[in-house]
N, C-alpha and C. Protein backbone atom coordinates (compact mmCIF):
# COMPACT_ATOMS: atom_id res chain seq x y z
N MET A 1 168.55 106.19 81.84
CA MET A 1 167.34 106.88 81.55
C MET A 1 166.20 105.81 81.35
N SER A 2 165.03 106.11 81.84
CA SER A 2 163.84 105.24 81.86
C SER A 2 163.32 105.11 80.45
N THR A 3 162.47 103.98 80.13
CA THR A 3 161.87 103.88 78.83
C THR A 3 160.90 105.09 78.66
N GLN A 4 160.23 105.48 79.75
CA GLN A 4 159.24 106.53 79.66
C GLN A 4 159.96 107.77 79.49
N THR A 5 160.99 108.15 80.09
CA THR A 5 161.66 109.41 79.85
C THR A 5 162.33 109.28 78.41
N SER A 6 162.88 108.28 78.02
CA SER A 6 163.40 108.26 76.58
C SER A 6 162.38 108.42 75.54
N THR A 7 161.18 107.81 75.81
CA THR A 7 160.13 107.93 74.84
C THR A 7 159.56 109.34 74.72
N ALA A 8 159.40 110.03 75.84
CA ALA A 8 158.96 111.27 75.84
C ALA A 8 160.02 112.16 75.30
N ALA A 9 161.42 112.07 75.38
CA ALA A 9 162.36 112.76 74.73
C ALA A 9 162.37 112.60 73.46
N ALA A 10 162.09 111.36 72.97
CA ALA A 10 162.05 111.11 71.40
C ALA A 10 160.86 111.89 70.76
N GLU A 11 159.59 111.92 71.44
CA GLU A 11 158.48 112.58 70.97
C GLU A 11 158.81 114.01 70.89
N THR A 12 159.30 114.59 72.00
CA THR A 12 159.62 116.15 71.88
C THR A 12 160.56 116.39 70.80
N ALA A 13 161.63 115.76 70.52
CA ALA A 13 162.55 115.84 69.60
C ALA A 13 162.16 115.87 68.20
N ALA A 14 161.01 115.05 67.99
CA ALA A 14 160.37 114.94 66.71
C ALA A 14 159.48 116.00 66.32
N ILE A 15 159.06 116.91 67.22
CA ILE A 15 158.23 118.04 66.83
C ILE A 15 158.82 119.16 66.19
N ASP A 16 158.45 119.44 65.01
CA ASP A 16 158.87 120.76 64.47
C ASP A 16 158.43 121.88 65.23
N PRO A 17 159.26 122.70 65.81
CA PRO A 17 158.60 123.85 66.82
C PRO A 17 157.66 124.79 66.01
N THR A 18 157.87 124.91 64.75
CA THR A 18 156.90 125.99 64.00
C THR A 18 155.96 125.32 63.21
N ARG A 19 155.77 123.98 63.53
CA ARG A 19 154.72 123.21 62.53
C ARG A 19 153.19 123.79 62.63
N TYR A 20 152.90 124.44 63.72
CA TYR A 20 151.57 124.97 63.73
C TYR A 20 151.41 126.52 63.48
N ALA A 21 152.62 127.13 63.01
CA ALA A 21 152.59 128.54 62.74
C ALA A 21 151.66 129.07 61.68
N ASN A 22 151.11 128.23 60.87
CA ASN A 22 150.10 128.71 59.80
C ASN A 22 148.78 128.03 60.02
N ALA A 23 148.44 127.70 61.37
CA ALA A 23 147.18 127.11 61.71
C ALA A 23 146.05 128.20 61.55
N PRO A 24 144.86 127.74 61.31
CA PRO A 24 143.72 128.63 61.37
C PRO A 24 143.65 129.46 62.74
N ALA A 25 143.08 130.60 62.59
CA ALA A 25 142.89 131.56 63.72
C ALA A 25 142.19 130.93 64.87
N ASP A 26 141.30 129.85 64.82
CA ASP A 26 140.71 129.21 65.84
C ASP A 26 141.24 127.81 66.42
N VAL A 27 142.48 127.72 65.93
CA VAL A 27 143.23 126.54 66.41
C VAL A 27 144.52 126.96 67.00
N LEU A 28 144.83 126.39 68.14
CA LEU A 28 146.08 126.79 68.95
C LEU A 28 146.86 125.51 69.16
N PHE A 29 148.06 125.28 68.49
CA PHE A 29 148.81 124.16 68.50
C PHE A 29 148.15 122.90 68.27
N GLY A 30 147.24 122.80 67.24
CA GLY A 30 146.62 121.54 66.87
C GLY A 30 145.31 121.31 67.52
N LEU A 31 144.87 122.04 68.46
CA LEU A 31 143.55 121.93 69.13
C LEU A 31 142.56 123.05 68.77
N PRO A 32 141.40 122.69 68.41
CA PRO A 32 140.44 123.77 68.30
C PRO A 32 140.23 124.67 69.53
N MET A 33 140.29 125.84 69.20
CA MET A 33 140.23 126.87 70.34
C MET A 33 139.54 128.17 69.84
N PRO A 34 138.36 128.28 69.74
CA PRO A 34 137.68 129.45 69.19
C PRO A 34 138.23 130.78 69.96
N MET A 35 138.46 130.64 71.20
CA MET A 35 138.98 131.85 71.97
C MET A 35 140.30 132.48 71.28
N SER A 36 141.07 131.52 70.75
CA SER A 36 142.36 132.10 70.12
C SER A 36 142.12 133.08 69.04
N ARG A 37 141.06 132.88 68.36
CA ARG A 37 140.62 133.92 67.33
C ARG A 37 140.17 135.16 67.87
N VAL A 38 139.43 135.05 68.95
CA VAL A 38 138.79 136.26 69.55
C VAL A 38 140.02 137.05 70.20
N MET A 39 140.94 136.33 70.83
CA MET A 39 142.17 136.95 71.46
C MET A 39 143.26 137.33 70.65
N ALA A 40 143.22 137.02 69.26
CA ALA A 40 144.16 137.22 68.36
C ALA A 40 145.44 136.56 68.65
N PHE A 41 145.43 135.37 69.25
CA PHE A 41 146.50 134.53 69.48
C PHE A 41 147.11 133.86 68.24
N LYS A 42 148.33 133.81 68.14
CA LYS A 42 149.04 132.94 67.14
C LYS A 42 150.22 132.18 67.74
N GLY A 43 149.92 130.80 67.67
CA GLY A 43 150.97 129.91 68.29
C GLY A 43 152.16 130.00 67.43
N GLU A 44 153.33 130.43 67.88
CA GLU A 44 154.38 130.56 67.03
C GLU A 44 155.44 129.41 67.11
N ARG A 45 155.61 128.82 68.40
CA ARG A 45 156.56 127.84 68.47
C ARG A 45 156.08 126.83 69.64
N ILE A 46 156.36 125.59 69.56
CA ILE A 46 156.09 124.61 70.51
C ILE A 46 157.01 123.42 70.40
N GLY A 47 157.35 122.85 71.55
CA GLY A 47 158.28 121.66 71.53
C GLY A 47 159.29 121.86 72.54
N ASP A 48 160.00 120.84 72.99
CA ASP A 48 161.09 120.86 73.83
C ASP A 48 160.68 121.48 75.24
N ASP A 49 159.43 121.00 75.59
CA ASP A 49 158.84 121.48 76.84
C ASP A 49 158.63 123.21 76.82
N MET A 50 158.59 123.83 75.59
CA MET A 50 158.41 125.25 75.62
C MET A 50 157.20 125.49 74.64
N ALA A 51 156.70 126.69 74.93
CA ALA A 51 155.75 127.19 73.87
C ALA A 51 155.78 128.71 73.78
N GLN A 52 155.43 129.20 72.69
CA GLN A 52 155.45 130.72 72.43
C GLN A 52 154.23 131.11 71.76
N ILE A 53 153.60 132.11 72.22
CA ILE A 53 152.23 132.67 71.72
C ILE A 53 152.43 134.10 71.54
N ARG A 54 151.94 134.69 70.35
CA ARG A 54 151.90 136.05 70.11
C ARG A 54 150.47 136.47 70.21
N MET A 55 150.29 137.68 70.91
CA MET A 55 148.97 138.25 70.83
C MET A 55 148.91 139.55 70.27
N ALA A 56 148.15 139.55 69.20
CA ALA A 56 148.15 140.98 68.43
C ALA A 56 147.35 141.83 69.25
N PHE A 57 147.81 143.24 69.07
CA PHE A 57 147.15 144.29 69.89
C PHE A 57 145.77 144.40 69.22
N GLN A 58 144.85 144.59 70.03
CA GLN A 58 143.42 144.76 69.56
C GLN A 58 142.86 145.90 70.55
N GLU A 59 142.24 146.86 70.00
CA GLU A 59 141.63 148.09 70.60
C GLU A 59 140.58 147.50 71.61
N GLU A 60 139.93 146.48 71.19
CA GLU A 60 138.94 146.04 72.08
C GLU A 60 139.42 145.33 73.34
N GLN A 61 140.68 145.12 73.47
CA GLN A 61 141.24 144.51 74.58
C GLN A 61 142.10 145.48 75.41
N ALA A 62 141.88 146.72 75.12
CA ALA A 62 142.70 147.83 75.70
C ALA A 62 141.83 148.26 76.95
N ASN A 63 142.78 148.82 77.95
CA ASN A 63 142.12 149.44 79.11
C ASN A 63 141.71 150.98 78.99
N SER A 64 141.45 151.51 79.90
CA SER A 64 141.12 153.05 79.74
C SER A 64 142.37 153.93 79.33
N ARG A 65 143.56 153.32 79.46
CA ARG A 65 144.81 154.07 79.05
C ARG A 65 145.16 153.74 77.71
N GLY A 66 144.57 152.72 77.10
CA GLY A 66 144.91 152.38 75.70
C GLY A 66 145.96 151.27 75.75
N GLU A 67 146.39 150.59 76.86
CA GLU A 67 147.25 149.66 77.07
C GLU A 67 146.44 148.24 77.08
N VAL A 68 147.12 147.15 76.86
CA VAL A 68 146.62 145.98 76.92
C VAL A 68 146.08 145.58 78.37
N HIS A 69 144.72 145.23 78.34
CA HIS A 69 144.09 144.95 79.74
C HIS A 69 144.75 143.79 80.43
N GLY A 70 144.91 143.93 81.79
CA GLY A 70 145.60 142.77 82.51
C GLY A 70 144.79 141.53 82.40
N GLY A 71 143.48 141.49 82.13
CA GLY A 71 142.67 140.25 81.94
C GLY A 71 143.18 139.57 80.75
N SER A 72 143.37 140.36 79.71
CA SER A 72 143.92 139.81 78.51
C SER A 72 145.27 139.13 78.62
N ILE A 73 146.28 139.81 79.35
CA ILE A 73 147.44 139.31 79.66
C ILE A 73 147.44 138.04 80.43
N ALA A 74 146.47 138.07 81.28
CA ALA A 74 146.32 136.81 82.15
C ALA A 74 145.84 135.62 81.26
N THR A 75 144.94 135.85 80.41
CA THR A 75 144.52 134.84 79.50
C THR A 75 145.64 134.42 78.67
N LEU A 76 146.47 135.22 78.14
CA LEU A 76 147.66 134.95 77.33
C LEU A 76 148.58 134.01 78.15
N LEU A 77 148.94 134.28 79.35
CA LEU A 77 149.73 133.65 80.17
C LEU A 77 149.16 132.18 80.53
N ASP A 78 147.84 132.14 80.77
CA ASP A 78 147.14 130.87 81.14
C ASP A 78 147.41 129.97 79.94
N CYS A 79 147.20 130.36 78.71
CA CYS A 79 147.30 129.54 77.51
C CYS A 79 148.68 129.14 77.06
N VAL A 80 149.62 130.01 77.34
CA VAL A 80 151.03 129.76 76.85
C VAL A 80 151.58 128.66 78.00
N LEU A 81 151.32 128.86 79.27
CA LEU A 81 151.70 127.95 80.18
C LEU A 81 151.14 126.57 80.00
N ALA A 82 149.80 126.59 79.80
CA ALA A 82 149.13 125.35 79.34
C ALA A 82 149.85 124.66 78.27
N SER A 83 150.04 125.47 77.28
CA SER A 83 150.58 124.72 75.91
C SER A 83 152.04 124.20 76.10
N SER A 84 152.76 124.75 77.00
CA SER A 84 154.12 124.21 77.38
C SER A 84 154.08 122.95 78.05
N CYS A 85 152.85 122.70 78.87
CA CYS A 85 152.70 121.59 79.61
C CYS A 85 152.25 120.32 78.69
N ARG A 86 151.72 120.67 77.28
CA ARG A 86 151.55 119.60 76.47
C ARG A 86 152.46 119.67 75.20
N ALA A 87 153.48 120.35 75.31
CA ALA A 87 154.49 120.50 74.28
C ALA A 87 154.98 119.20 73.87
N HIS A 88 155.07 118.28 74.74
CA HIS A 88 155.73 116.93 74.44
C HIS A 88 154.87 116.15 73.42
N ASP A 89 153.48 116.55 73.28
CA ASP A 89 152.61 115.80 72.32
C ASP A 89 151.36 116.66 72.33
N PRO A 90 151.45 117.87 71.52
CA PRO A 90 150.48 118.83 71.55
C PRO A 90 148.91 118.44 71.14
N GLU A 91 148.90 117.50 70.32
CA GLU A 91 147.43 117.21 69.88
C GLU A 91 146.86 116.07 70.59
N ALA A 92 147.70 115.38 71.58
CA ALA A 92 147.34 114.25 72.48
C ALA A 92 146.64 114.71 73.74
N TYR A 93 146.96 115.88 74.09
CA TYR A 93 146.58 116.35 75.47
C TYR A 93 145.88 117.81 75.49
N GLY A 94 144.92 117.89 76.14
CA GLY A 94 144.41 119.11 76.68
C GLY A 94 144.85 119.33 78.11
N VAL A 95 144.53 120.40 78.65
CA VAL A 95 144.88 120.60 80.12
C VAL A 95 143.83 121.41 80.71
N ALA A 96 143.68 121.26 82.04
CA ALA A 96 142.83 122.05 82.94
C ALA A 96 143.76 122.88 83.87
N THR A 97 143.56 124.29 83.98
CA THR A 97 144.31 124.93 84.90
C THR A 97 143.91 124.58 86.43
N ILE A 98 144.94 124.26 87.32
CA ILE A 98 144.55 124.18 88.66
C ILE A 98 144.78 125.47 89.43
N ASP A 99 146.00 125.96 89.01
CA ASP A 99 146.40 127.20 89.83
C ASP A 99 147.22 128.15 88.81
N LEU A 100 147.09 129.47 88.89
CA LEU A 100 147.88 130.27 88.12
C LEU A 100 148.12 131.57 88.99
N SER A 101 149.38 131.99 89.17
CA SER A 101 149.80 133.07 89.85
C SER A 101 150.52 134.08 88.87
N LEU A 102 150.05 135.33 88.91
CA LEU A 102 150.49 136.29 88.06
C LEU A 102 151.27 137.41 88.67
N HIS A 103 152.27 138.05 88.17
CA HIS A 103 152.89 139.18 88.66
C HIS A 103 153.11 140.28 87.45
N TYR A 104 152.26 141.43 87.53
CA TYR A 104 152.42 142.38 86.41
C TYR A 104 153.62 143.18 86.82
N VAL A 105 154.38 143.43 85.88
CA VAL A 105 155.63 144.29 85.97
C VAL A 105 155.72 145.65 85.33
N SER A 106 155.01 145.85 84.16
CA SER A 106 154.84 147.02 83.47
C SER A 106 153.66 146.86 82.56
N ALA A 107 153.40 148.12 81.97
CA ALA A 107 152.25 148.07 81.06
C ALA A 107 152.51 147.40 79.75
N GLY A 108 151.60 146.80 79.18
CA GLY A 108 151.72 146.13 77.77
C GLY A 108 151.17 146.99 76.79
N THR A 109 151.98 147.36 75.70
CA THR A 109 151.45 148.02 74.63
C THR A 109 151.93 147.34 73.38
N GLY A 110 150.97 147.31 72.26
CA GLY A 110 151.31 146.74 71.05
C GLY A 110 151.17 145.12 71.07
N ASP A 111 151.70 144.57 70.22
CA ASP A 111 151.77 142.96 70.18
C ASP A 111 152.45 142.51 71.47
N LEU A 112 152.03 141.40 72.06
CA LEU A 112 152.72 140.83 73.07
C LEU A 112 153.08 139.51 72.83
N ILE A 113 154.28 138.94 73.37
CA ILE A 113 154.79 137.74 73.11
C ILE A 113 155.01 137.01 74.39
N ALA A 114 154.26 135.90 74.57
CA ALA A 114 154.40 135.03 75.76
C ALA A 114 155.23 133.87 75.38
N THR A 115 156.14 133.43 76.44
CA THR A 115 156.87 132.30 76.32
C THR A 115 156.73 131.58 77.74
N ALA A 116 156.79 130.20 77.67
CA ALA A 116 156.64 129.39 78.86
C ALA A 116 157.43 128.07 78.67
N ARG A 117 157.85 127.58 79.83
CA ARG A 117 158.50 126.24 79.91
C ARG A 117 157.86 125.52 80.89
N CYS A 118 157.62 124.16 80.60
CA CYS A 118 157.09 123.26 81.51
C CYS A 118 158.31 122.79 82.40
N GLU A 119 158.18 123.00 83.69
CA GLU A 119 159.34 122.76 84.58
C GLU A 119 159.32 121.32 85.06
N ARG A 120 158.13 120.66 85.20
CA ARG A 120 157.98 119.32 85.61
C ARG A 120 156.72 118.85 85.08
N ARG A 121 156.75 117.71 84.51
CA ARG A 121 155.60 117.02 83.92
C ARG A 121 155.39 115.74 84.65
N GLY A 122 154.39 115.48 85.56
CA GLY A 122 154.12 114.14 85.99
C GLY A 122 153.22 113.42 85.33
N ARG A 123 152.57 112.40 85.72
CA ARG A 123 151.81 111.57 85.11
C ARG A 123 150.43 112.40 84.81
N SER A 124 150.04 113.15 85.69
CA SER A 124 148.68 113.88 85.44
C SER A 124 148.90 115.39 85.80
N ILE A 125 149.75 115.79 86.62
CA ILE A 125 149.84 117.22 86.83
C ILE A 125 151.35 117.67 86.39
N SER A 126 151.22 118.91 85.70
CA SER A 126 152.52 119.73 85.31
C SER A 126 152.51 120.97 85.81
N PHE A 127 153.82 121.44 85.90
CA PHE A 127 154.17 122.64 86.50
C PHE A 127 154.84 123.57 85.41
N ALA A 128 154.52 124.90 85.33
CA ALA A 128 155.14 125.60 84.34
C ALA A 128 155.29 127.08 84.75
N ARG A 129 156.25 127.76 84.14
CA ARG A 129 156.41 129.31 84.27
C ARG A 129 156.77 129.89 83.14
N GLY A 130 156.44 131.17 83.04
CA GLY A 130 156.38 131.98 81.80
C GLY A 130 156.33 133.51 82.11
N GLU A 131 156.51 134.15 80.96
CA GLU A 131 156.59 135.68 80.91
C GLU A 131 155.94 136.14 79.62
N VAL A 132 155.54 137.40 79.75
CA VAL A 132 155.09 138.12 78.61
C VAL A 132 156.08 139.37 78.42
N ARG A 133 156.42 139.71 77.17
CA ARG A 133 157.25 140.71 76.81
C ARG A 133 156.55 141.49 75.62
N THR A 134 156.85 142.75 75.44
CA THR A 134 156.63 143.58 74.35
C THR A 134 157.55 143.14 73.13
N GLU A 135 157.17 143.66 72.01
CA GLU A 135 158.02 143.27 70.84
C GLU A 135 159.42 143.83 71.04
N ASN A 136 159.60 144.93 71.78
CA ASN A 136 160.91 145.41 71.99
C ASN A 136 161.64 144.78 73.13
N GLY A 137 161.09 143.90 73.93
CA GLY A 137 161.74 143.14 74.92
C GLY A 137 161.36 143.48 76.25
N THR A 138 160.58 144.53 76.42
CA THR A 138 160.10 144.99 77.81
C THR A 138 159.33 143.89 78.56
N LEU A 139 159.73 143.56 79.70
CA LEU A 139 158.89 142.65 80.51
C LEU A 139 157.71 143.19 80.93
N VAL A 140 156.50 142.51 80.92
CA VAL A 140 155.16 142.97 81.12
C VAL A 140 154.65 142.17 82.30
N ALA A 141 154.80 140.76 82.31
CA ALA A 141 154.34 140.09 83.34
C ALA A 141 155.01 138.69 83.57
N LEU A 142 154.93 138.10 84.76
CA LEU A 142 155.50 136.75 84.89
C LEU A 142 154.43 135.93 85.53
N ALA A 143 154.44 134.51 85.32
CA ALA A 143 153.45 133.66 85.88
C ALA A 143 154.12 132.29 86.05
N THR A 144 153.49 131.59 87.21
CA THR A 144 153.59 130.25 87.46
C THR A 144 152.31 129.43 87.46
N GLY A 145 152.21 128.35 87.10
CA GLY A 145 150.89 127.62 87.26
C GLY A 145 151.22 126.16 87.21
N SER A 146 150.19 125.39 87.59
CA SER A 146 149.95 124.04 87.64
C SER A 146 148.87 123.63 86.78
N PHE A 147 148.98 122.54 86.20
CA PHE A 147 148.05 122.06 85.14
C PHE A 147 147.75 120.61 85.21
N LYS A 148 146.48 120.07 85.01
CA LYS A 148 146.27 118.73 84.86
C LYS A 148 146.15 118.41 83.46
N LEU A 149 147.00 117.30 83.10
CA LEU A 149 146.94 116.84 81.71
C LEU A 149 145.67 116.04 81.53
N ILE A 150 144.97 116.11 80.28
CA ILE A 150 143.87 115.49 80.11
C ILE A 150 143.95 114.86 78.65
N ALA A 151 144.14 113.59 78.58
CA ALA A 151 144.19 112.91 77.25
C ALA A 151 142.95 113.28 76.51
N ARG A 152 143.28 113.51 75.27
CA ARG A 152 142.15 113.88 74.37
C ARG A 152 141.72 112.87 73.31
N ASN A 153 140.37 112.84 73.01
CA ASN A 153 139.82 112.02 71.89
C ASN A 153 139.64 113.09 70.94
N PRO A 154 140.39 112.77 69.76
CA PRO A 154 140.30 113.77 68.52
C PRO A 154 138.87 114.00 68.18
N VAL A 155 138.48 115.31 67.95
CA VAL A 155 137.28 115.67 67.55
C VAL A 155 137.27 116.07 65.99
N ALA A 156 136.51 115.51 65.20
CA ALA A 156 136.55 115.76 63.65
C ALA A 156 136.06 117.33 63.56
N ARG A 157 136.91 118.08 62.80
CA ARG A 157 136.55 119.39 62.45
C ARG A 157 135.92 119.43 61.06
N ASN A 158 134.88 120.41 61.02
CA ASN A 158 134.14 120.54 59.77
C ASN A 158 134.89 121.45 58.91
């Protein structure tokens, strides 16, 4: 095992997957993200190249049938895939989406839970796949994406 691989593995192993569970509504896995408050995201778990985000149902995000709008589901998938790509060191990296491909399988109602895994992390580009399910386990959507890792300079929060 290379030094780089063993260092990354040690960093990943050291992360408590639920350490961000009680973060403020405008913070997603240690990074300020006002959109997470608006979208009602709650980062539930991160680490071991995986991430899980819950999106609480909000009437404002419903389509004309009262189901979660596809655009909200797309945003949830973009965020959870991106989070899985920075799961090895959540506060050190941001990401920029390069490509995102979605497949809607069924309507989403109620709270939705998105999970993703980073399948490959390179020096600057990472690849992830994930899914969204209802609380009772019904598959809602699948996605794959590629993301550019961007080292962050921490910004002081007021």
